[in-house]
Amino acid sequence: MNNFTQVFQRVEKKYLLTEYQYHAIRRLLAKTARVDSYGESSILNIYYDTPDFRLIRTSIDGPAYKEKLRLRSYGVPSDDTTSFIEIKKKYKGVVYKRRIDMPYRQAVDFLNPEGQPAGGQAAACCPALSDKAAEEQIRREISWFFSVYPHLAPRMVISYDRIAMAGITDPDFRVTFDRNIRWRTTDLDLEKGNGGMEILQPGMRLMELKIRGAADLDLARQMSRLHIFPVSFSKYGRGYLAMLGGQRTGYQSRSAMLPDLLGPAAEAAI
C-alpha cells in the first residue's frame, strides 16, 4: 500500500447557482481555469458523529471553530479502493484539512469505534504508516476525536457529482461545482452506492471557490453582476436538518431545500 498524507489550508467561499448562473460563470472562467483530469466525478462521504449528532449540531450553531471527521471515496468503492480519512477544521473562515489514505474496507475497520482501544487510542489500530511527522499528527488527531467524542460512528452518507477546475496560471485557485447532492442515514456503507434524498432544487448547483491568497477582484465584480453572492452552506448540515424535519413531520419531499430561498436569516442557521 502506498500511503500518503495531504494537508490543505485555504479560504473556501460557497455559492448557490441557478442553471443560468452556472453556465454564465463557466464562460467567465473559460480563460482562467480548466477542468481537471477527472472531469465530472462522483464523491461519496460517510460522516462520523456521536449518537446525538454533537459535531454537526455544534457546527450549525456557528462557532468560530468547528470540525468534522469523514471517510471519502471517489466513485462507489470496493473493499480495496483507495479512500481517504479526512479531518476538516474551520477557524474564523479558514479551512484546514488533513487526510490519509488506505483501502476502503481497512479504513472502515480502522474507524470502527468498537475496534478502538480504551482511551480513544485510534492510532494504534492504524495499518502500517510511515513515521512522517504529518502522518503521525493526523493519527494523533484521529485518536483525539475518539477520546473527546464518545461513541463516534457512521451517521450520514453525503454524495454528489462534482466538476473540479484549477487555475491555468495559478494552481492554488480551485473551483468546484456540485450537483445531485444527496443524503441518507440508512445503508451507511459507501459500497451501497450514492443514492439518497436530494438537497438542492432541480438545476441548482453548489459552487465553491478555494483560494490561498487574495480573491480575483474582476471575478468578484462579474459575479456580483450575476447576483452570485456567498452563502453559508454545509452539505452535512443540510442533510441533518432535513433528517430532523422528517423525524418531526414525516419526510416531505425537498424539505432540505427550504433554506435556499428563505434569505440570510435561514442561511445563517446552516
C-alpha atoms as a PDB file:
ATOM      1  CA  MET A   1       0.000   0.000   0.000  1.00  0.00           C
ATOM      2  CA  ASN A   2       1.277   3.416  -0.911  1.00  0.00           C
ATOM      3  CA  ASN A   3       0.149   5.659   1.915  1.00  0.00           C
ATOM      4  CA  PHE A   4       0.344   9.386   1.573  1.00  0.00           C
ATOM      5  CA  THR A   5      -0.760  12.407   3.521  1.00  0.00           C
ATOM      6  CA  GLN A   6      -2.287  15.605   2.245  1.00  0.00           C
ATOM      7  CA  VAL A   7      -2.638  18.840   4.187  1.00  0.00           C
ATOM      8  CA  PHE A   8      -4.691  21.788   2.952  1.00  0.00           C
ATOM      9  CA  GLN A   9      -5.100  25.305   4.323  1.00  0.00           C
ATOM     10  CA  ARG A  10      -7.283  27.732   2.409  1.00  0.00           C
ATOM     11  CA  VAL A  11     -10.302  30.003   2.387  1.00  0.00           C
ATOM     12  CA  GLU A  12     -13.449  28.485   0.902  1.00  0.00           C
ATOM     13  CA  LYS A  13     -16.429  30.507  -0.284  1.00  0.00           C
ATOM     14  CA  LYS A  14     -19.697  28.839  -1.286  1.00  0.00           C
ATOM     15  CA  TYR A  15     -22.385  29.987  -3.694  1.00  0.00           C
ATOM     16  CA  LEU A  16     -25.712  28.525  -4.775  1.00  0.00           C
ATOM     17  CA  LEU A  17     -26.196  28.825  -8.536  1.00  0.00           C
ATOM     18  CA  THR A  18     -29.162  28.562 -10.832  1.00  0.00           C
ATOM     19  CA  GLU A  19     -28.656  26.830 -14.169  1.00  0.00           C
ATOM     20  CA  TYR A  20     -28.280  30.227 -15.868  1.00  0.00           C
ATOM     21  CA  GLN A  21     -25.712  31.435 -13.331  1.00  0.00           C
ATOM     22  CA  TYR A  22     -23.755  28.189 -13.630  1.00  0.00           C
ATOM     23  CA  HIS A  23     -23.354  28.481 -17.398  1.00  0.00           C
ATOM     24  CA  ALA A  24     -22.528  32.195 -17.098  1.00  0.00           C
ATOM     25  CA  ILE A  25     -19.772  31.601 -14.552  1.00  0.00           C
ATOM     26  CA  ARG A  26     -18.349  28.746 -16.606  1.00  0.00           C
ATOM     27  CA  ARG A  27     -17.987  31.169 -19.515  1.00  0.00           C
ATOM     28  CA  LEU A  28     -16.255  33.699 -17.247  1.00  0.00           C
ATOM     29  CA  LEU A  29     -13.806  31.053 -16.042  1.00  0.00           C
ATOM     30  CA  ALA A  30     -13.006  29.696 -19.507  1.00  0.00           C
ATOM     31  CA  LYS A  31      -9.791  31.737 -19.881  1.00  0.00           C
ATOM     32  CA  THR A  32      -8.514  31.406 -16.327  1.00  0.00           C
ATOM     33  CA  ALA A  33      -9.324  27.841 -15.207  1.00  0.00           C
ATOM     34  CA  ARG A  34      -9.717  24.409 -16.753  1.00  0.00           C
ATOM     35  CA  VAL A  35     -11.487  21.218 -15.707  1.00  0.00           C
ATOM     36  CA  ASP A  36      -9.080  18.819 -14.043  1.00  0.00           C
ATOM     37  CA  SER A  37      -8.187  15.401 -15.417  1.00  0.00           C
ATOM     38  CA  TYR A  38     -11.076  13.671 -13.640  1.00  0.00           C
ATOM     39  CA  GLY A  39     -13.784  15.634 -15.433  1.00  0.00           C
ATOM     40  CA  GLU A  40     -17.012  15.083 -13.528  1.00  0.00           C
ATOM     41  CA  SER A  41     -16.636  12.593 -10.699  1.00  0.00           C
ATOM     42  CA  SER A  42     -18.916  11.123  -8.067  1.00  0.00           C
ATOM     43  CA  ILE A  43     -17.817  11.788  -4.470  1.00  0.00           C
ATOM     44  CA  LEU A  44     -19.163   9.783  -1.551  1.00  0.00           C
ATOM     45  CA  ASN A  45     -18.653  10.577   2.141  1.00  0.00           C
ATOM     46  CA  ILE A  46     -19.534   8.948   5.438  1.00  0.00           C
ATOM     47  CA  TYR A  47     -19.732  11.492   8.256  1.00  0.00           C
ATOM     48  CA  TYR A  48     -18.844  10.230  11.719  1.00  0.00           C
ATOM     49  CA  ASP A  49     -20.616  11.704  14.714  1.00  0.00           C
ATOM     50  CA  THR A  50     -21.872  10.945  18.206  1.00  0.00           C
ATOM     51  CA  PRO A  51     -25.319   9.362  18.768  1.00  0.00           C
ATOM     52  CA  ASP A  52     -26.784  12.817  19.432  1.00  0.00           C
ATOM     53  CA  PHE A  53     -25.030  14.362  16.398  1.00  0.00           C
ATOM     54  CA  ARG A  54     -22.907  16.595  18.581  1.00  0.00           C
ATOM     55  CA  LEU A  55     -20.405  17.552  15.863  1.00  0.00           C
ATOM     56  CA  ILE A  56     -22.947  18.796  13.341  1.00  0.00           C
ATOM     57  CA  ARG A  57     -25.145  20.435  15.990  1.00  0.00           C
ATOM     58  CA  THR A  58     -22.140  22.404  17.201  1.00  0.00           C
ATOM     59  CA  SER A  59     -21.253  23.343  13.620  1.00  0.00           C
ATOM     60  CA  ILE A  60     -24.765  24.618  12.918  1.00  0.00           C
ATOM     61  CA  ASP A  61     -24.542  26.903  15.947  1.00  0.00           C
ATOM     62  CA  GLY A  62     -21.897  28.868  14.039  1.00  0.00           C
ATOM     63  CA  PRO A  63     -18.894  28.896  16.384  1.00  0.00           C
ATOM     64  CA  ALA A  64     -15.557  30.366  15.355  1.00  0.00           C
ATOM     65  CA  TYR A  65     -14.118  26.846  15.416  1.00  0.00           C
ATOM     66  CA  LYS A  66     -15.775  23.719  14.006  1.00  0.00           C
ATOM     67  CA  GLU A  67     -14.584  20.280  12.952  1.00  0.00           C
ATOM     68  CA  LYS A  68     -15.708  17.129  11.155  1.00  0.00           C
ATOM     69  CA  LEU A  69     -14.468  13.590  10.623  1.00  0.00           C
ATOM     70  CA  ARG A  70     -15.363  11.736   7.436  1.00  0.00           C
ATOM     71  CA  LEU A  71     -14.405   8.878   5.162  1.00  0.00           C
ATOM     72  CA  ARG A  72     -14.362   9.756   1.450  1.00  0.00           C
ATOM     73  CA  SER A  73     -14.168   7.817  -1.791  1.00  0.00           C
ATOM     74  CA  TYR A  74     -14.135   8.948  -5.391  1.00  0.00           C
ATOM     75  CA  GLY A  75     -16.698   6.758  -7.075  1.00  0.00           C
ATOM     76  CA  VAL A  76     -18.502   3.836  -5.441  1.00  0.00           C
ATOM     77  CA  PRO A  77     -15.703   1.869  -3.761  1.00  0.00           C
ATOM     78  CA  SER A  78     -14.917  -1.788  -3.410  1.00  0.00           C
ATOM     79  CA  ASP A  79     -13.017  -3.187  -0.442  1.00  0.00           C
ATOM     80  CA  ASP A  80      -9.589  -2.388  -1.915  1.00  0.00           C
ATOM     81  CA  THR A  81     -10.409   1.022  -3.437  1.00  0.00           C
ATOM     82  CA  THR A  82      -8.217   3.840  -2.146  1.00  0.00           C
ATOM     83  CA  SER A  83     -10.243   6.005   0.227  1.00  0.00           C
ATOM     84  CA  PHE A  84      -9.439   8.932   2.475  1.00  0.00           C
ATOM     85  CA  ILE A  85      -9.927   9.537   6.170  1.00  0.00           C
ATOM     86  CA  GLU A  86     -10.293  13.297   6.479  1.00  0.00           C
ATOM     87  CA  ILE A  87     -10.279  15.677   9.398  1.00  0.00           C
ATOM     88  CA  LYS A  88     -11.745  19.013   8.376  1.00  0.00           C
ATOM     89  CA  LYS A  89     -11.499  22.019  10.655  1.00  0.00           C
ATOM     90  CA  LYS A  90     -12.600  25.593  10.152  1.00  0.00           C
ATOM     91  CA  TYR A  91     -11.441  28.518  12.241  1.00  0.00           C
ATOM     92  CA  LYS A  92     -12.553  32.083  11.530  1.00  0.00           C
ATOM     93  CA  GLY A  93     -13.265  31.299   7.894  1.00  0.00           C
ATOM     94  CA  VAL A  94     -10.015  29.442   7.164  1.00  0.00           C
ATOM     95  CA  VAL A  95     -10.359  25.751   6.327  1.00  0.00           C
ATOM     96  CA  TYR A  96      -7.723  23.239   7.432  1.00  0.00           C
ATOM     97  CA  LYS A  97      -7.989  19.729   6.038  1.00  0.00           C
ATOM     98  CA  ARG A  98      -5.749  16.758   6.716  1.00  0.00           C
ATOM     99  CA  ARG A  99      -6.196  13.319   5.235  1.00  0.00           C
ATOM    100  CA  ILE A 100      -4.558   9.934   4.934  1.00  0.00           C
ATOM    101  CA  ASP A 101      -5.403   7.165   2.502  1.00  0.00           C
ATOM    102  CA  MET A 102      -5.905   3.436   2.846  1.00  0.00           C
ATOM    103  CA  PRO A 103      -8.073   0.738   1.196  1.00  0.00           C
ATOM    104  CA  TYR A 104     -11.753   1.366   1.843  1.00  0.00           C
ATOM    105  CA  ARG A 105     -12.543  -1.690   3.960  1.00  0.00           C
ATOM    106  CA  GLN A 106      -9.408  -1.177   6.012  1.00  0.00           C
ATOM    107  CA  ALA A 107     -10.429   2.435   6.631  1.00  0.00           C
ATOM    108  CA  VAL A 108     -13.912   1.346   7.727  1.00  0.00           C
ATOM    109  CA  ASP A 109     -12.412  -1.149  10.177  1.00  0.00           C
ATOM    110  CA  PHE A 110      -9.962   1.450  11.451  1.00  0.00           C
ATOM    111  CA  LEU A 111     -12.775   3.904  12.163  1.00  0.00           C
ATOM    112  CA  ASN A 112     -14.975   1.286  13.823  1.00  0.00           C
ATOM    113  CA  PRO A 113     -15.403   2.573  17.389  1.00  0.00           C
ATOM    114  CA  GLU A 114     -15.853  -0.991  18.685  1.00  0.00           C
ATOM    115  CA  GLY A 115     -12.371  -1.719  17.440  1.00  0.00           C
ATOM    116  CA  GLN A 116     -10.731   1.220  19.184  1.00  0.00           C
ATOM    117  CA  PRO A 117      -8.679   0.541  22.326  1.00  0.00           C
ATOM    118  CA  ALA A 118      -9.751   2.066  25.611  1.00  0.00           C
ATOM    119  CA  GLY A 119      -8.951   5.747  25.949  1.00  0.00           C
ATOM    120  CA  GLY A 120      -9.528   6.501  22.280  1.00  0.00           C
ATOM    121  CA  GLN A 121      -6.094   5.475  21.048  1.00  0.00           C
ATOM    122  CA  ALA A 122      -7.269   5.131  17.472  1.00  0.00           C
ATOM    123  CA  ALA A 123      -3.759   5.449  16.125  1.00  0.00           C
ATOM    124  CA  ALA A 124      -2.825   2.032  17.480  1.00  0.00           C
ATOM    125  CA  CYS A 125      -5.255   0.432  15.020  1.00  0.00           C
ATOM    126  CA  CYS A 126      -3.831   2.209  12.038  1.00  0.00           C
ATOM    127  CA  PRO A 127      -2.254  -0.022   9.364  1.00  0.00           C
ATOM    128  CA  ALA A 128       1.454   0.443   8.923  1.00  0.00           C
ATOM    129  CA  LEU A 129       2.090   4.059   8.081  1.00  0.00           C
ATOM    130  CA  SER A 130       5.449   5.699   7.724  1.00  0.00           C
ATOM    131  CA  ASP A 131       6.895   7.797  10.513  1.00  0.00           C
ATOM    132  CA  LYS A 132       6.436  11.049   8.675  1.00  0.00           C
ATOM    133  CA  ALA A 133       5.589  13.841  11.072  1.00  0.00           C
ATOM    134  CA  ALA A 134       2.452  14.837   9.182  1.00  0.00           C
ATOM    135  CA  GLU A 135       1.082  11.304   9.245  1.00  0.00           C
ATOM    136  CA  GLU A 136       1.798  10.985  12.938  1.00  0.00           C
ATOM    137  CA  GLN A 137      -0.007  14.255  13.572  1.00  0.00           C
ATOM    138  CA  ILE A 138      -3.085  13.072  11.698  1.00  0.00           C
ATOM    139  CA  ARG A 139      -3.103   9.803  13.595  1.00  0.00           C
ATOM    140  CA  ARG A 140      -2.971  11.743  16.865  1.00  0.00           C
ATOM    141  CA  GLU A 141      -5.873  13.925  15.738  1.00  0.00           C
ATOM    142  CA  ILE A 142      -7.969  10.893  14.833  1.00  0.00           C
ATOM    143  CA  SER A 143      -7.160   9.431  18.244  1.00  0.00           C
ATOM    144  CA  TRP A 144      -8.194  12.742  19.809  1.00  0.00           C
ATOM    145  CA  PHE A 145     -11.568  12.602  18.044  1.00  0.00           C
ATOM    146  CA  PHE A 146     -12.314   9.198  19.509  1.00  0.00           C
ATOM    147  CA  SER A 147     -11.250  10.249  23.003  1.00  0.00           C
ATOM    148  CA  VAL A 148     -13.196  13.528  23.073  1.00  0.00           C
ATOM    149  CA  TYR A 149     -16.368  12.486  21.236  1.00  0.00           C
ATOM    150  CA  PRO A 150     -17.852   9.315  22.754  1.00  0.00           C
ATOM    151  CA  HIS A 151     -19.247   6.582  20.533  1.00  0.00           C
ATOM    152  CA  LEU A 152     -18.241   8.067  17.199  1.00  0.00           C
ATOM    153  CA  ALA A 153     -19.770   6.037  14.381  1.00  0.00           C
ATOM    154  CA  PRO A 154     -21.123   6.494  10.835  1.00  0.00           C
ATOM    155  CA  ARG A 155     -24.210   8.723  10.986  1.00  0.00           C
ATOM    156  CA  MET A 156     -24.864  10.008   7.447  1.00  0.00           C
ATOM    157  CA  VAL A 157     -23.786   9.442   3.853  1.00  0.00           C
ATOM    158  CA  ILE A 158     -23.472  12.544   1.684  1.00  0.00           C
ATOM    159  CA  SER A 159     -22.802  12.095  -2.041  1.00  0.00           C
ATOM    160  CA  TYR A 160     -22.685  14.390  -5.059  1.00  0.00           C
ATOM    161  CA  ASP A 161     -21.386  14.764  -8.594  1.00  0.00           C
ATOM    162  CA  ARG A 162     -18.536  17.258  -8.888  1.00  0.00           C
ATOM    163  CA  ILE A 163     -16.762  19.144 -11.638  1.00  0.00           C
ATOM    164  CA  ALA A 164     -13.435  20.453 -10.336  1.00  0.00           C
ATOM    165  CA  MET A 165     -11.398  23.182 -12.015  1.00  0.00           C
ATOM    166  CA  ALA A 166      -7.941  24.602 -11.337  1.00  0.00           C
ATOM    167  CA  GLY A 167      -6.375  27.906 -12.336  1.00  0.00           C
ATOM    168  CA  ILE A 168      -4.363  27.807 -15.550  1.00  0.00           C
ATOM    169  CA  THR A 169      -1.676  30.187 -14.299  1.00  0.00           C
ATOM    170  CA  ASP A 170      -2.490  29.995 -10.586  1.00  0.00           C
ATOM    171  CA  PRO A 171      -2.703  26.348  -9.459  1.00  0.00           C
ATOM    172  CA  ASP A 172      -3.727  27.468  -5.967  1.00  0.00           C
ATOM    173  CA  PHE A 173      -7.023  28.724  -7.394  1.00  0.00           C
ATOM    174  CA  ARG A 174      -9.630  25.970  -7.314  1.00  0.00           C
ATOM    175  CA  VAL A 175     -13.325  26.000  -8.088  1.00  0.00           C
ATOM    176  CA  THR A 176     -15.798  23.139  -7.840  1.00  0.00           C
ATOM    177  CA  PHE A 177     -19.404  22.700  -8.944  1.00  0.00           C
ATOM    178  CA  ASP A 178     -21.554  20.123  -7.149  1.00  0.00           C
ATOM    179  CA  ARG A 179     -24.932  18.805  -8.234  1.00  0.00           C
ATOM    180  CA  ASN A 180     -27.169  15.883  -7.273  1.00  0.00           C
ATOM    181  CA  ILE A 181     -26.278  16.406  -3.613  1.00  0.00           C
ATOM    182  CA  ARG A 182     -27.922  13.584  -1.651  1.00  0.00           C
ATOM    183  CA  TRP A 183     -28.112  12.412   1.944  1.00  0.00           C
ATOM    184  CA  ARG A 184     -29.153   9.212   3.686  1.00  0.00           C
ATOM    185  CA  THR A 185     -28.990   7.714   7.172  1.00  0.00           C
ATOM    186  CA  THR A 186     -29.512   4.103   6.107  1.00  0.00           C
ATOM    187  CA  ASP A 187     -27.047   1.787   4.346  1.00  0.00           C
ATOM    188  CA  LEU A 188     -24.112   3.634   5.900  1.00  0.00           C
ATOM    189  CA  ASP A 189     -21.592   1.906   3.675  1.00  0.00           C
ATOM    190  CA  LEU A 190     -20.212   3.600   0.571  1.00  0.00           C
ATOM    191  CA  GLU A 191     -20.212   0.270  -1.255  1.00  0.00           C
ATOM    192  CA  LYS A 192     -24.020   0.586  -1.206  1.00  0.00           C
ATOM    193  CA  GLY A 193     -23.768   3.403  -3.768  1.00  0.00           C
ATOM    194  CA  ASN A 194     -24.602   7.101  -3.938  1.00  0.00           C
ATOM    195  CA  GLY A 195     -28.369   7.004  -3.545  1.00  0.00           C
ATOM    196  CA  GLY A 196     -30.245   9.250  -1.143  1.00  0.00           C
ATOM    197  CA  MET A 197     -32.641  12.159  -0.850  1.00  0.00           C
ATOM    198  CA  GLU A 198     -31.953  15.350  -2.771  1.00  0.00           C
ATOM    199  CA  ILE A 199     -30.847  18.530  -1.008  1.00  0.00           C
ATOM    200  CA  LEU A 200     -30.965  21.059  -3.856  1.00  0.00           C
ATOM    201  CA  GLN A 201     -33.746  22.034  -6.207  1.00  0.00           C
ATOM    202  CA  PRO A 202     -33.534  20.691  -9.771  1.00  0.00           C
ATOM    203  CA  GLY A 203     -30.950  22.587 -11.817  1.00  0.00           C
ATOM    204  CA  MET A 204     -29.231  24.129  -8.781  1.00  0.00           C
ATOM    205  CA  ARG A 205     -25.504  23.702  -8.151  1.00  0.00           C
ATOM    206  CA  LEU A 206     -23.232  24.495  -5.284  1.00  0.00           C
ATOM    207  CA  MET A 207     -20.074  26.341  -6.303  1.00  0.00           C
ATOM    208  CA  GLU A 208     -17.043  26.541  -4.026  1.00  0.00           C
ATOM    209  CA  LEU A 209     -14.105  28.871  -4.589  1.00  0.00           C
ATOM    210  CA  LYS A 210     -10.966  27.671  -2.824  1.00  0.00           C
ATOM    211  CA  ILE A 211      -8.177  30.195  -2.609  1.00  0.00           C
ATOM    212  CA  ARG A 212      -4.963  30.662  -0.640  1.00  0.00           C
ATOM    213  CA  GLY A 213      -4.343  34.330  -1.343  1.00  0.00           C
ATOM    214  CA  ALA A 214      -6.358  37.364  -2.372  1.00  0.00           C
ATOM    215  CA  ALA A 215      -9.560  36.946  -4.350  1.00  0.00           C
ATOM    216  CA  ASP A 216      -9.734  37.968  -8.011  1.00  0.00           C
ATOM    217  CA  LEU A 217     -11.470  41.357  -7.868  1.00  0.00           C
ATOM    218  CA  ASP A 218     -12.569  41.244 -11.513  1.00  0.00           C
ATOM    219  CA  LEU A 219     -14.177  37.840 -10.990  1.00  0.00           C
ATOM    220  CA  ALA A 220     -15.868  39.148  -7.842  1.00  0.00           C
ATOM    221  CA  ARG A 221     -17.321  42.089  -9.780  1.00  0.00           C
ATOM    222  CA  GLN A 222     -18.575  39.813 -12.551  1.00  0.00           C
ATOM    223  CA  MET A 223     -20.191  37.516 -10.010  1.00  0.00           C
ATOM    224  CA  SER A 224     -21.882  40.471  -8.339  1.00  0.00           C
ATOM    225  CA  ARG A 225     -23.372  41.482 -11.698  1.00  0.00           C
ATOM    226  CA  LEU A 226     -24.795  37.971 -11.980  1.00  0.00           C
ATOM    227  CA  HIS A 227     -26.222  38.246  -8.441  1.00  0.00           C
ATOM    228  CA  ILE A 228     -23.942  35.452  -7.237  1.00  0.00           C
ATOM    229  CA  PHE A 229     -23.208  36.041  -3.572  1.00  0.00           C
ATOM    230  CA  PRO A 230     -21.641  33.900  -0.821  1.00  0.00           C
ATOM    231  CA  VAL A 231     -23.864  31.695   1.300  1.00  0.00           C
ATOM    232  CA  SER A 232     -23.200  29.673   4.418  1.00  0.00           C
ATOM    233  CA  PHE A 233     -23.764  26.068   3.356  1.00  0.00           C
ATOM    234  CA  SER A 234     -22.916  22.698   4.883  1.00  0.00           C
ATOM    235  CA  LYS A 235     -23.955  19.566   2.995  1.00  0.00           C
ATOM    236  CA  TYR A 236     -23.922  17.545   6.186  1.00  0.00           C
ATOM    237  CA  GLY A 237     -25.771  20.346   7.978  1.00  0.00           C
ATOM    238  CA  ARG A 238     -28.476  20.434   5.318  1.00  0.00           C
ATOM    239  CA  GLY A 239     -28.852  16.676   5.488  1.00  0.00           C
ATOM    240  CA  TYR A 240     -29.098  16.797   9.273  1.00  0.00           C
ATOM    241  CA  LEU A 241     -31.806  19.483   9.216  1.00  0.00           C
ATOM    242  CA  ALA A 242     -33.715  17.531   6.571  1.00  0.00           C
ATOM    243  CA  MET A 243     -33.465  14.454   8.780  1.00  0.00           C
ATOM    244  CA  LEU A 244     -34.882  16.406  11.716  1.00  0.00           C
ATOM    245  CA  GLY A 245     -37.758  17.607   9.559  1.00  0.00           C
ATOM    246  CA  GLY A 246     -38.500  14.036   8.564  1.00  0.00           C
ATOM    247  CA  GLN A 247     -38.389  12.846  12.172  1.00  0.00           C
ATOM    248  CA  ARG A 248     -40.792  15.544  13.302  1.00  0.00           C
ATOM    249  CA  THR A 249     -43.306  15.569  10.469  1.00  0.00           C
ATOM    250  CA  GLY A 250     -42.609  12.536   8.300  1.00  0.00           C
ATOM    251  CA  TYR A 251     -40.205  13.205   5.448  1.00  0.00           C
ATOM    252  CA  GLN A 252     -41.591  15.691   2.959  1.00  0.00           C
ATOM    253  CA  SER A 253     -40.006  15.879  -0.477  1.00  0.00           C
ATOM    254  CA  ARG A 254     -37.302  18.547  -0.718  1.00  0.00           C
ATOM    255  CA  SER A 255     -37.574  19.599   2.925  1.00  0.00           C
ATOM    256  CA  ALA A 256     -33.828  20.264   2.918  1.00  0.00           C
ATOM    257  CA  MET A 257     -34.150  22.841   0.157  1.00  0.00           C
ATOM    258  CA  LEU A 258     -36.223  25.345   2.060  1.00  0.00           C
ATOM    259  CA  PRO A 259     -33.360  27.441   3.465  1.00  0.00           C
ATOM    260  CA  ASP A 260     -32.055  28.017  -0.071  1.00  0.00           C
ATOM    261  CA  LEU A 261     -34.756  30.556  -0.794  1.00  0.00           C
ATOM    262  CA  LEU A 262     -35.541  31.912   2.644  1.00  0.00           C
ATOM    263  CA  GLY A 263     -32.835  34.549   2.765  1.00  0.00           C
ATOM    264  CA  PRO A 264     -29.958  35.456   5.092  1.00  0.00           C
ATOM    265  CA  ALA A 265     -31.725  34.577   8.334  1.00  0.00           C
ATOM    266  CA  ALA A 266     -32.243  30.987   7.261  1.00  0.00           C
ATOM    267  CA  GLU A 267     -28.778  30.751   5.745  1.00  0.00           C
ATOM    268  CA  ALA A 268     -27.193  31.910   8.970  1.00  0.00           C
ATOM    269  CA  ALA A 269     -28.603  28.840  10.703  1.00  0.00           C
ATOM    270  CA  ILE A 270     -26.864  26.369   8.393  1.00  0.00           C
END
